[in-house]
Amino acid sequence: MNTKVYLKPNVVIEPLFDNWYAWSHLISPATGAMNVVGRHLKIMSSYIQAPAAHAAAVKNPKMLGGPFIDYGGKRVDEIKNLKEETLQKQKDLIAFNDAVKELDALLKSKAKGFSLEPLYDEVPEILQGYVELIYDLNNQPSFRFFESLLYKSKFYNPDSQSILLWITENDERPFVLSTPRLPDSNQVHLDIPFDHKGLDKLSQMKRIPGSVSEIKELLGISKEQEEVFDTFFTTEPPMEYDQYTGDKVRMRYFGHASILVETKDISIMLDPVISYYGYHQDVSRFSDMDLPEVIDYVLITHNHQDHILFETLIPLRHKIKNIVVPRSSNGSLQDPSLKLMLQAIGFENVIEIDEMEAIHFNDCTITGVPFIGEHSDLNIQCKICHHVAVGDFKMLFVADSCNVAAKLYEHVQAELGDVDVLFLGMECDGAPLSWLYGPLLTETIDRDKDFSRRLAGSNFERGKALVEAFSPKEVYVYAMGQEPWLEFISSIKYTDESNPIIQSDKLVQYCMDGNIISERLFGEKEILYNKTEDSKKVLESV
């Protein structure tokens, strides 16, 4: 076939790690090891023992997002085979997990406030040279990894990475973190790592037509895969991108925490989690066809799977000039480096930003703002809010920051001033600590303690304090995970009686009562700031 063709707009380029949906804690070697043992093997063993229980749990809306495999109690033999393959292929990571637990036990039993130097000889052999033993100021022992060296070791194995290509015809997808991918005749599974340059070429073909034979050769498509692979292409040109050429600032909401800020000269994208198009959709939305050819800066707020989604980022890699991430705490197990992670999977210009540190370009300034809470009280530094100024127009994106210490943002306001538009997340219930971080814990946490430490954003009172601190002209509640194309990763379904809906309704009403334009965003939204009027700022909601 010599005809130039396009990649269909609803082709999913899904990253997998060892046949499981790839998210950030599977890329970093240390967290990857803990999740292989504490999540994957644990879930597969449970399914093998009680497939009917998993089938029943998946049907229960209250269990959405739980550790249950979604194969209707079937394909048990395939799960058994995958478990056995995992035990063989991931021996190094399994040994790493065991060594971490052994090291933790060693420190608890022998690190009593005296020098840690004698204990280095007792560090499990496979961890020697990869860890530093430390105390905090209260003589509590711990350790940190030399994470950059782990990426050079046998514990980082790109052979565990692969790509699944398939066509989606709707927004319905089961929750992905609990169910491994088994073979499907309508999919093409490519044994290539995430940094493979062929993925950039394939992604470009959504906009720029190319040769099917050339992309087959580049990706290593086998004869057996060709028939399905050919169905991923079309001669029909995609929708044309609506290049913004006006003199305003255009803000477009793409769902969840994804906002595109554009002028005629620059583009900034926050937490890209982008929908597909090309099939019937009940909810209007912007898609990847509404993104510019070049994105100057992608800003990542924190290391949770609904804010750094590789399924979106890898296909956008070819058009991202710079990607800005929060600085991690340098080697702690629960706080892997996003910079090292993104560099390992093929992103070239990754910039770390600290709290109150600024990036300047053209007439824009991006400033990192402290992000507090939402991480179950763990010492996690890899989280940042973003203050974006275009000329004298100021936007603040606080994502899931839980404003538990209102004085913090009063101090920030004293430095940065008021803002014109505030975007804040209000998923104020949140999952317990163990839902995300359970595999990293070396000891089981008591249920009451677990449920008291939530992955939760601000409620009404905390959101109100943010509004009072920054005096915005417009307030938008976002990052609620309500869009139907987010359910596969967020596992969220609200009703009118859900606490986050009640709390955000109260905040929206509070703002409107104070003559502040306000809305809880859903689907799509476009907001324009008129830069041509110097005497006042004019905001237009479209």
Protein backbone atom coordinates (compact mmCIF):
# COMPACT_ATOMS: atom_id res chain seq x y z
CA MET A 1 0.00 0.00 0.00
CA ASN A 2 1.75 3.21 -1.21
CA THR A 3 -1.18 5.55 -0.50
CA LYS A 4 -0.46 8.06 2.24
CA VAL A 5 -2.78 7.42 5.18
CA TYR A 6 -3.61 8.83 8.60
CA LEU A 7 -3.75 7.05 11.94
CA LYS A 8 -7.39 6.96 12.97
CA PRO A 9 -8.23 9.43 15.76
CA ASN A 10 -9.62 6.70 18.02
CA VAL A 11 -6.57 4.42 17.97
CA VAL A 12 -5.35 3.90 21.53
CA ILE A 13 -1.58 3.72 22.08
CA GLU A 14 -1.70 1.98 25.44
CA PRO A 15 1.54 1.50 27.40
CA LEU A 16 1.93 -1.75 29.32
CA PHE A 17 4.38 -2.98 31.93
CA ASP A 18 4.56 -6.75 32.08
CA ASN A 19 1.04 -6.86 30.57
CA TRP A 20 -0.36 -4.42 33.17
CA TYR A 21 -1.43 -0.85 32.46
CA ALA A 22 1.69 1.28 32.86
CA TRP A 23 1.54 4.15 35.35
CA SER A 24 4.32 6.02 37.06
CA HIS A 25 4.89 3.64 39.99
CA LEU A 26 5.66 0.87 37.49
CA ILE A 27 8.41 2.83 35.75
CA SER A 28 10.64 3.74 38.69
CA PRO A 29 12.56 0.54 39.57
CA ALA A 30 11.93 0.70 43.34
CA THR A 31 8.19 1.38 43.21
CA GLY A 32 7.91 -0.99 40.26
CA ALA A 33 9.34 -3.83 42.34
CA MET A 34 6.98 -3.15 45.23
CA ASN A 35 3.95 -3.02 42.93
CA VAL A 36 4.81 -6.23 41.08
CA VAL A 37 4.75 -8.07 44.41
CA GLY A 38 2.26 -6.03 46.44
CA ARG A 39 -0.25 -5.42 43.66
CA HIS A 40 0.12 -7.64 40.58
CA LEU A 41 1.05 -10.97 42.14
CA LYS A 42 -1.34 -10.37 45.02
CA ILE A 43 -4.31 -9.62 42.73
CA MET A 44 -3.55 -12.53 40.39
CA SER A 45 -3.27 -14.96 43.31
CA SER A 46 -6.59 -13.75 44.67
CA TYR A 47 -8.28 -14.16 41.28
CA ILE A 48 -6.92 -17.68 40.84
CA GLN A 49 -8.27 -18.65 44.24
CA ALA A 50 -11.69 -16.97 43.93
CA PRO A 51 -12.57 -15.85 40.37
CA ALA A 52 -16.31 -15.74 41.14
CA ALA A 53 -15.71 -13.29 43.99
CA HIS A 54 -13.84 -10.98 41.64
CA ALA A 55 -16.63 -11.21 39.06
CA ALA A 56 -19.21 -10.25 41.68
CA ALA A 57 -17.09 -7.39 43.07
CA VAL A 58 -16.57 -5.82 39.64
CA LYS A 59 -20.35 -5.59 39.20
CA ASN A 60 -20.74 -3.73 42.49
CA PRO A 61 -20.46 0.06 41.95
CA LYS A 62 -19.19 0.44 45.52
CA MET A 63 -16.20 -1.74 44.62
CA LEU A 64 -15.19 0.31 41.58
CA GLY A 65 -11.44 0.79 41.60
CA GLY A 66 -10.86 -2.14 43.96
CA PRO A 67 -8.25 -4.91 43.52
CA PHE A 68 -10.46 -7.11 41.35
CA ILE A 69 -9.70 -8.61 37.94
CA ASP A 70 -12.39 -7.83 35.38
CA TYR A 71 -12.68 -11.01 33.33
CA GLY A 72 -16.03 -12.20 34.63
CA GLY A 73 -14.47 -15.07 36.55
CA LYS A 74 -13.09 -16.51 33.29
CA ARG A 75 -9.64 -16.90 31.69
CA VAL A 76 -8.26 -18.24 34.97
CA ASP A 77 -5.69 -20.44 33.22
CA GLU A 78 -4.31 -17.42 31.39
CA ILE A 79 -3.99 -15.52 34.66
CA LYS A 80 -2.18 -18.55 36.14
CA ASN A 81 0.21 -18.51 33.18
CA LEU A 82 0.79 -14.77 33.53
CA LYS A 83 1.53 -15.20 37.23
CA GLU A 84 4.08 -17.92 36.49
CA GLU A 85 5.66 -15.79 33.77
CA THR A 86 5.85 -12.88 36.20
CA LEU A 87 7.56 -15.02 38.83
CA GLN A 88 10.17 -15.98 36.24
CA LYS A 89 10.62 -12.72 34.32
CA GLN A 90 10.55 -10.43 37.35
CA LYS A 91 12.87 -12.39 39.64
CA ASP A 92 15.11 -9.36 40.06
CA LEU A 93 12.26 -7.06 41.06
CA ILE A 94 10.79 -9.67 43.40
CA ALA A 95 14.19 -10.04 45.07
CA PHE A 96 14.42 -6.24 45.27
CA ASN A 97 11.05 -6.08 47.03
CA ASP A 98 12.14 -8.73 49.53
CA ALA A 99 15.42 -6.90 50.15
CA VAL A 100 13.63 -3.61 50.85
CA LYS A 101 11.51 -5.31 53.50
CA GLU A 102 14.61 -6.98 54.95
CA LEU A 103 16.41 -3.64 55.10
CA ASP A 104 13.45 -1.99 56.77
CA ALA A 105 13.38 -4.73 59.42
CA LEU A 106 17.13 -4.37 59.93
CA LEU A 107 16.85 -0.66 60.65
CA LYS A 108 13.92 -1.12 63.01
CA SER A 109 15.78 -3.72 65.04
CA LYS A 110 19.33 -2.30 65.08
CA ALA A 111 19.24 1.43 64.34
CA LYS A 112 18.80 2.85 67.84
CA GLY A 113 20.33 6.30 67.46
CA PHE A 114 23.98 5.22 67.28
CA SER A 115 26.07 5.50 64.13
CA LEU A 116 24.65 3.67 61.13
CA GLU A 117 28.07 2.94 59.62
CA PRO A 118 28.30 -0.65 60.96
CA LEU A 119 24.96 -1.51 59.38
CA TYR A 120 26.12 -0.92 55.80
CA ASP A 121 27.73 -4.37 55.81
CA GLU A 122 24.35 -5.87 56.76
CA VAL A 123 22.41 -4.22 53.95
CA PRO A 124 21.01 -6.99 51.68
CA GLU A 125 23.58 -7.65 48.99
CA ILE A 126 21.45 -6.65 46.01
CA LEU A 127 20.82 -3.22 47.59
CA GLN A 128 24.43 -2.50 48.49
CA GLY A 129 25.65 0.60 46.71
CA TYR A 130 22.11 1.65 45.89
CA VAL A 131 21.01 2.94 49.33
CA GLU A 132 22.09 5.44 51.93
CA LEU A 133 21.11 4.85 55.56
CA ILE A 134 19.84 7.90 57.41
CA TYR A 135 18.21 9.21 60.57
CA ASP A 136 15.76 12.07 60.82
CA LEU A 137 16.27 14.69 63.54
CA ASN A 138 14.29 12.56 65.98
CA ASN A 139 16.62 9.57 65.47
CA GLN A 140 14.06 7.66 63.40
CA PRO A 141 15.99 5.47 60.91
CA SER A 142 15.25 5.26 57.22
CA PHE A 143 17.02 4.95 53.87
CA ARG A 144 17.04 6.53 50.47
CA PHE A 145 17.90 5.17 47.03
CA PHE A 146 20.43 6.50 44.57
CA GLU A 147 17.60 6.40 42.07
CA SER A 148 19.63 7.47 39.05
CA LEU A 149 21.84 4.40 39.56
CA LEU A 150 18.80 2.13 39.78
CA TYR A 151 17.84 3.24 36.26
CA LYS A 152 21.28 2.02 35.12
CA SER A 153 20.93 -1.33 36.89
CA LYS A 154 19.26 -4.63 36.09
CA PHE A 155 16.26 -3.45 38.10
CA TYR A 156 15.24 -1.12 35.26
CA ASN A 157 14.42 -3.39 32.33
CA PRO A 158 12.77 -1.81 29.28
CA ASP A 159 12.00 -5.33 28.05
CA SER A 160 9.11 -5.29 30.53
CA GLN A 161 7.57 -2.41 28.56
CA SER A 162 5.29 -2.89 25.56
CA ILE A 163 2.59 -1.08 23.61
CA LEU A 164 -0.95 -2.23 22.90
CA LEU A 165 -2.70 -0.74 19.86
CA TRP A 166 -6.47 -0.94 19.56
CA ILE A 167 -9.50 1.07 18.44
CA THR A 168 -11.94 2.47 20.97
CA GLU A 169 -15.55 2.98 19.90
CA ASN A 170 -16.87 4.58 23.10
CA ASP A 171 -15.86 6.08 26.44
CA GLU A 172 -16.55 2.89 28.39
CA ARG A 173 -13.41 1.25 29.69
CA PRO A 174 -13.05 -0.90 32.80
CA PHE A 175 -10.76 0.29 35.58
CA VAL A 176 -7.26 -0.51 34.35
CA LEU A 177 -4.99 -0.72 37.40
CA SER A 178 -6.43 -4.02 38.66
CA THR A 179 -6.75 -6.08 35.47
CA PRO A 180 -3.83 -7.31 33.35
CA ARG A 181 -4.14 -7.27 29.58
CA LEU A 182 -4.67 -10.69 28.01
CA PRO A 183 -4.49 -11.38 24.24
CA ASP A 184 -7.33 -10.03 22.11
CA SER A 185 -7.74 -10.67 18.37
CA ASN A 186 -8.64 -7.01 17.69
CA GLN A 187 -5.45 -5.64 19.22
CA VAL A 188 -1.80 -5.45 18.21
CA HIS A 189 0.74 -5.99 20.97
CA LEU A 190 4.17 -4.52 20.24
CA ASP A 191 7.19 -5.64 22.25
CA ILE A 192 8.89 -2.27 22.11
CA PRO A 193 9.95 0.08 24.95
CA PHE A 194 8.25 3.39 25.62
CA ASP A 195 11.18 5.42 24.24
CA HIS A 196 10.91 3.77 20.80
CA LYS A 197 11.08 6.47 18.10
CA GLY A 198 8.52 4.62 16.02
CA LEU A 199 5.85 5.70 18.52
CA ASP A 200 6.56 9.35 17.70
CA LYS A 201 6.23 8.64 13.98
CA LEU A 202 3.02 6.67 14.51
CA SER A 203 1.54 9.45 16.65
CA GLN A 204 2.43 12.10 14.07
CA MET A 205 0.37 10.17 11.53
CA LYS A 206 -2.81 11.35 13.26
CA ARG A 207 -2.09 14.69 11.61
CA ILE A 208 0.55 14.04 8.96
CA PRO A 209 -0.15 11.21 6.48
CA GLY A 210 2.48 8.55 6.05
CA SER A 211 3.25 5.17 4.55
CA VAL A 212 1.80 2.07 6.18
CA SER A 213 4.67 -0.06 4.89
CA GLU A 214 7.24 2.30 6.40
CA ILE A 215 5.57 2.45 9.81
CA LYS A 216 5.22 -1.36 9.79
CA GLU A 217 8.92 -1.72 9.26
CA LEU A 218 9.73 0.89 11.89
CA LEU A 219 7.54 -0.80 14.52
CA GLY A 220 8.44 -4.36 13.56
CA ILE A 221 4.90 -5.44 12.64
CA SER A 222 4.77 -9.18 11.96
CA LYS A 223 2.88 -10.87 9.15
CA GLU A 224 0.36 -12.17 11.69
CA GLN A 225 -0.29 -8.63 12.96
CA GLU A 226 -0.68 -6.94 9.58
CA GLU A 227 -4.40 -7.58 9.04
CA VAL A 228 -5.42 -5.90 12.30
CA PHE A 229 -2.73 -3.23 12.07
CA ASP A 230 -4.01 -2.11 8.64
CA THR A 231 -7.44 -1.35 10.17
CA PHE A 232 -5.87 1.43 12.27
CA PHE A 233 -5.46 3.72 9.27
CA THR A 234 -7.68 5.83 7.06
CA THR A 235 -7.37 8.07 4.02
CA GLU A 236 -9.81 10.54 5.58
CA PRO A 237 -8.01 13.68 6.80
CA PRO A 238 -8.49 14.60 10.48
CA MET A 239 -10.28 17.66 11.79
CA GLU A 240 -8.23 20.79 11.25
CA TYR A 241 -6.72 22.36 14.34
CA ASP A 242 -8.25 25.72 15.23
CA GLN A 243 -5.04 27.71 15.55
CA TYR A 244 -5.61 30.62 17.88
CA THR A 245 -4.53 33.89 16.24
CA GLY A 246 -6.32 36.46 18.38
CA ASP A 247 -4.94 38.98 20.86
CA LYS A 248 -6.47 37.34 23.92
CA VAL A 249 -5.49 34.53 26.26
CA ARG A 250 -7.51 31.43 25.44
CA MET A 251 -8.04 28.80 28.15
CA ARG A 252 -9.57 25.49 27.10
CA TYR A 253 -10.67 22.82 29.54
CA PHE A 254 -10.07 19.29 28.21
CA GLY A 255 -11.47 17.42 31.20
CA HIS A 256 -10.23 16.60 34.70
CA ALA A 257 -7.15 18.79 35.40
CA SER A 258 -6.23 19.37 31.74
CA ILE A 259 -6.17 23.03 30.73
CA LEU A 260 -4.63 24.42 27.56
CA VAL A 261 -3.52 28.06 27.83
CA GLU A 262 -2.82 29.73 24.48
CA THR A 263 -2.00 33.05 22.95
CA LYS A 264 -1.09 33.55 19.33
CA ASP A 265 2.54 33.04 20.37
CA ILE A 266 2.63 30.44 23.15
CA SER A 267 0.94 27.28 24.40
CA ILE A 268 0.97 25.76 27.89
CA MET A 269 -0.76 22.48 28.77
CA LEU A 270 -1.44 21.37 32.33
CA ASP A 271 -1.77 17.69 33.35
CA PRO A 272 -2.74 16.37 29.89
CA VAL A 273 -5.29 13.55 30.06
CA ILE A 274 -6.91 13.78 26.65
CA SER A 275 -10.00 12.12 25.16
CA TYR A 276 -10.19 10.43 21.79
CA TYR A 277 -12.72 11.23 19.09
CA GLY A 278 -14.09 9.51 16.00
CA TYR A 279 -17.04 7.75 17.64
CA HIS A 280 -20.43 8.73 19.05
CA GLN A 281 -20.03 10.86 22.17
CA ASP A 282 -22.75 11.94 24.58
CA VAL A 283 -20.52 14.54 26.25
CA SER A 284 -18.91 17.32 24.20
CA ARG A 285 -15.16 17.54 24.63
CA PHE A 286 -11.92 18.76 23.16
CA SER A 287 -9.61 15.99 21.93
CA ASP A 288 -6.01 15.67 20.82
CA MET A 289 -7.11 17.17 17.51
CA ASP A 290 -7.62 20.44 19.43
CA LEU A 291 -3.99 20.62 20.49
CA PRO A 292 -1.42 22.81 18.69
CA GLU A 293 1.37 21.36 16.58
CA VAL A 294 3.86 22.45 19.24
CA ILE A 295 3.23 22.67 22.97
CA ASP A 296 5.81 24.99 24.50
CA TYR A 297 5.39 23.76 28.08
CA VAL A 298 3.57 20.82 29.60
CA LEU A 299 3.16 21.30 33.36
CA ILE A 300 2.69 18.28 35.64
CA THR A 301 1.29 18.93 39.10
CA HIS A 302 1.94 15.62 40.86
CA ASN A 303 2.74 11.96 40.48
CA HIS A 304 -0.74 10.40 40.50
CA GLN A 305 -2.02 8.34 37.59
CA ASP A 306 -4.83 10.77 36.71
CA HIS A 307 -2.36 13.67 36.36
CA ILE A 308 0.58 12.03 34.61
CA LEU A 309 -0.95 9.64 32.09
CA PHE A 310 1.53 7.97 29.77
CA GLU A 311 -1.25 6.95 27.38
CA THR A 312 -1.64 10.65 26.62
CA LEU A 313 1.95 11.81 27.10
CA ILE A 314 3.76 9.29 24.89
CA PRO A 315 1.66 10.10 21.78
CA LEU A 316 2.21 13.82 22.49
CA ARG A 317 5.95 13.47 23.06
CA HIS A 318 6.86 14.56 19.54
CA LYS A 319 5.15 17.95 19.96
CA ILE A 320 6.20 18.80 23.54
CA LYS A 321 9.14 21.23 23.67
CA ASN A 322 9.50 21.27 27.47
CA ILE A 323 7.89 19.27 30.25
CA VAL A 324 7.97 20.77 33.76
CA VAL A 325 7.72 18.51 36.79
CA PRO A 326 7.97 19.02 40.55
CA ARG A 327 11.25 18.14 42.22
CA SER A 328 11.13 14.94 44.27
CA SER A 329 12.65 14.33 47.70
CA ASN A 330 15.65 12.61 46.10
CA GLY A 331 15.48 8.90 46.62
CA SER A 332 12.70 8.11 49.08
CA LEU A 333 10.69 5.04 48.13
CA GLN A 334 7.32 6.81 48.10
CA ASP A 335 8.56 9.80 46.09
CA PRO A 336 10.21 8.68 42.83
CA SER A 337 11.68 11.29 40.52
CA LEU A 338 9.43 12.27 37.61
CA LYS A 339 12.44 13.78 35.85
CA LEU A 340 14.37 10.50 35.83
CA MET A 341 11.24 8.61 34.88
CA LEU A 342 10.36 10.79 31.90
CA GLN A 343 13.95 10.88 30.67
CA ALA A 344 14.04 7.09 30.79
CA ILE A 345 11.01 6.82 28.50
CA GLY A 346 12.21 9.26 25.86
CA PHE A 347 11.39 12.81 26.98
CA GLU A 348 14.40 15.00 26.32
CA ASN A 349 13.78 18.42 27.88
CA VAL A 350 12.49 17.72 31.38
CA ILE A 351 12.69 20.63 33.81
CA GLU A 352 12.29 20.31 37.57
CA ILE A 353 10.74 23.24 39.38
CA ASP A 354 10.80 24.03 43.08
CA GLU A 355 8.33 25.92 45.23
CA MET A 356 8.32 29.64 44.39
CA GLU A 357 10.80 29.08 41.54
CA ALA A 358 9.94 30.76 38.24
CA ILE A 359 10.40 30.03 34.53
CA HIS A 360 10.29 33.04 32.20
CA PHE A 361 9.68 33.02 28.43
CA ASN A 362 8.14 35.55 26.03
CA ASP A 363 5.71 37.56 28.19
CA CYS A 364 4.90 34.54 30.38
CA THR A 365 6.04 33.49 33.82
CA ILE A 366 5.39 30.03 35.30
CA THR A 367 5.90 29.91 39.05
CA GLY A 368 5.82 26.78 41.20
CA VAL A 369 3.47 27.17 44.16
CA PRO A 370 3.41 24.87 47.23
CA PHE A 371 1.03 21.92 47.00
CA ILE A 372 -0.11 20.69 50.40
CA GLY A 373 -1.96 17.56 51.50
CA GLU A 374 -3.69 14.95 49.26
CA HIS A 375 -0.81 12.50 49.72
CA SER A 376 -1.94 10.72 52.89
CA ASP A 377 0.58 12.57 55.11
CA LEU A 378 3.53 10.85 53.45
CA ASN A 379 6.74 12.81 52.92
CA ILE A 380 6.20 13.41 49.22
CA GLN A 381 7.75 16.49 47.66
CA CYS A 382 6.99 15.65 44.02
CA LYS A 383 3.91 17.89 43.89
CA ILE A 384 3.53 21.49 42.81
CA CYS A 385 0.79 23.96 41.91
CA HIS A 386 1.28 26.38 39.05
CA HIS A 387 0.88 30.14 38.87
CA VAL A 388 0.88 31.22 35.24
CA ALA A 389 1.11 34.90 34.30
CA VAL A 390 0.63 36.09 30.72
CA GLY A 391 1.44 39.76 30.80
CA ASP A 392 -0.53 41.05 33.78
CA PHE A 393 -3.15 38.29 33.53
CA LYS A 394 -2.70 35.71 36.30
CA MET A 395 -4.01 32.15 36.60
CA LEU A 396 -3.54 29.77 39.52
CA PHE A 397 -3.93 26.01 39.14
CA VAL A 398 -3.94 24.29 42.52
CA ALA A 399 -5.05 20.85 41.27
CA ASP A 400 -5.75 18.54 44.24
CA SER A 401 -3.99 20.64 46.86
CA CYS A 402 -5.87 20.24 50.14
CA ASN A 403 -5.74 23.61 51.84
CA VAL A 404 -5.26 22.29 55.38
CA ALA A 405 -3.10 25.27 56.34
CA ALA A 406 -4.75 28.41 55.00
CA LYS A 407 -1.87 30.63 56.13
CA LEU A 408 0.32 28.94 53.49
CA TYR A 409 -1.58 30.47 50.60
CA GLU A 410 -1.81 33.81 52.37
CA HIS A 411 1.99 33.84 52.35
CA VAL A 412 1.99 32.89 48.65
CA GLN A 413 -0.48 35.66 47.87
CA ALA A 414 1.78 38.15 49.62
CA GLU A 415 4.49 37.25 47.11
CA LEU A 416 2.47 36.76 43.91
CA GLY A 417 -0.59 38.94 44.48
CA ASP A 418 -4.20 38.28 43.54
CA VAL A 419 -5.14 36.17 40.53
CA ASP A 420 -7.71 36.61 37.81
CA VAL A 421 -8.72 32.96 37.49
CA LEU A 422 -8.46 30.19 40.08
CA PHE A 423 -8.76 26.50 39.18
CA LEU A 424 -9.08 24.15 42.16
CA GLY A 425 -9.86 20.48 42.67
CA MET A 426 -12.46 19.44 45.25
CA GLU A 427 -12.41 15.64 45.26
CA CYS A 428 -12.59 16.00 49.02
CA ASP A 429 -13.27 12.40 50.11
CA GLY A 430 -10.42 10.57 48.42
CA ALA A 431 -9.25 7.00 48.68
CA PRO A 432 -7.38 5.76 51.76
CA LEU A 433 -3.59 5.64 51.93
CA SER A 434 -3.36 1.95 51.04
CA TRP A 435 -5.33 2.28 47.78
CA LEU A 436 -2.35 3.85 46.05
CA TYR A 437 0.59 3.45 48.40
CA GLY A 438 -0.25 0.09 50.00
CA PRO A 439 2.36 -1.91 48.01
CA LEU A 440 5.08 0.42 49.31
CA LEU A 441 4.28 -0.21 52.97
CA THR A 442 6.52 -2.76 54.68
CA GLU A 443 3.94 -3.35 57.43
CA THR A 444 0.15 -3.52 57.29
CA ILE A 445 -1.42 -0.31 58.53
CA ASP A 446 -4.39 -0.41 60.91
CA ARG A 447 -7.67 0.10 59.07
CA ASP A 448 -8.74 3.12 61.15
CA LYS A 449 -5.39 4.84 60.53
CA ASP A 450 -5.51 3.93 56.85
CA PHE A 451 -8.96 5.43 56.39
CA SER A 452 -8.04 8.60 58.25
CA ARG A 453 -5.22 9.35 55.80
CA ARG A 454 -6.89 10.19 52.52
CA LEU A 455 -5.95 11.12 48.95
CA ALA A 456 -8.34 14.07 49.24
CA GLY A 457 -8.53 17.62 47.92
CA SER A 458 -10.16 20.69 49.45
CA ASN A 459 -13.70 20.83 50.82
CA PHE A 460 -15.88 23.95 50.86
CA GLU A 461 -14.19 25.64 53.82
CA ARG A 462 -10.71 25.01 52.45
CA GLY A 463 -11.72 26.07 48.95
CA LYS A 464 -13.34 29.21 50.39
CA ALA A 465 -10.07 30.07 52.13
CA LEU A 466 -8.28 29.86 48.76
CA VAL A 467 -10.82 32.21 47.19
CA GLU A 468 -10.45 34.64 50.07
CA ALA A 469 -6.66 34.52 49.82
CA PHE A 470 -6.38 35.26 46.09
CA SER A 471 -9.55 37.32 45.37
CA PRO A 472 -10.07 35.84 41.87
CA LYS A 473 -12.56 37.21 39.37
CA GLU A 474 -13.45 33.70 38.25
CA VAL A 475 -13.30 30.38 40.09
CA TYR A 476 -13.51 26.99 38.39
CA VAL A 477 -13.74 23.66 40.17
CA TYR A 478 -11.94 21.03 38.08
CA ALA A 479 -10.02 17.73 38.51
CA MET A 480 -13.15 15.94 39.72
CA GLY A 481 -12.68 12.87 37.50
CA GLN A 482 -16.31 12.99 36.36
CA GLU A 483 -15.86 12.83 32.60
CA PRO A 484 -16.82 9.41 31.23
CA TRP A 485 -13.47 9.03 29.46
CA LEU A 486 -11.71 9.33 32.87
CA GLU A 487 -13.45 6.48 34.68
CA PHE A 488 -10.94 3.86 33.52
CA ILE A 489 -8.22 5.61 35.52
CA SER A 490 -10.11 7.55 38.21
CA SER A 491 -12.79 4.98 39.20
CA ILE A 492 -15.04 7.87 40.25
CA LYS A 493 -18.83 7.97 39.94
CA TYR A 494 -20.69 10.72 41.76
CA THR A 495 -24.35 11.37 42.47
CA ASP A 496 -25.98 14.61 43.58
CA GLU A 497 -25.64 13.33 47.15
CA SER A 498 -21.89 12.70 46.91
CA ASN A 499 -19.92 14.84 49.33
CA PRO A 500 -17.53 16.31 46.69
CA ILE A 501 -20.57 17.44 44.66
CA ILE A 502 -22.25 18.98 47.71
CA GLN A 503 -19.04 20.73 48.78
CA SER A 504 -18.24 22.08 45.32
CA ASP A 505 -21.84 23.22 44.82
CA LYS A 506 -21.51 25.24 48.03
CA LEU A 507 -18.29 26.85 46.81
CA VAL A 508 -19.75 27.73 43.40
CA GLN A 509 -22.78 29.30 45.09
CA TYR A 510 -20.58 31.16 47.57
CA CYS A 511 -18.58 32.64 44.70
CA MET A 512 -21.66 33.61 42.72
CA ASP A 513 -23.18 35.27 45.79
CA GLY A 514 -19.99 37.35 45.93
CA ASN A 515 -20.24 38.31 42.23
CA ILE A 516 -17.44 35.94 41.28
CA ILE A 517 -18.09 33.96 38.12
CA SER A 518 -17.92 30.32 39.08
CA GLU A 519 -18.65 26.86 37.69
CA ARG A 520 -17.80 23.22 38.25
CA LEU A 521 -16.28 22.20 34.93
CA PHE A 522 -17.40 19.15 33.02
CA GLY A 523 -16.72 18.06 29.45
CA GLU A 524 -15.34 21.15 27.78
CA LYS A 525 -15.06 24.87 28.42
CA GLU A 526 -13.42 27.81 26.67
CA ILE A 527 -12.54 31.07 28.42
CA LEU A 528 -11.05 34.12 26.75
CA TYR A 529 -9.20 37.03 28.39
CA ASN A 530 -9.26 40.24 26.41
CA LYS A 531 -5.73 41.64 26.42
CA THR A 532 -6.67 44.71 24.41
CA GLU A 533 -8.37 46.56 27.27
CA ASP A 534 -5.84 48.02 29.67
CA SER A 535 -8.28 49.57 32.10
CA LYS A 536 -9.87 46.29 33.13
CA LYS A 537 -9.68 42.64 32.45
CA VAL A 538 -12.53 41.19 30.45
CA LEU A 539 -13.24 37.48 30.80
CA GLU A 540 -15.55 35.79 28.38
CA SER A 541 -16.90 32.31 29.00
CA VAL A 542 -17.73 30.57 25.75
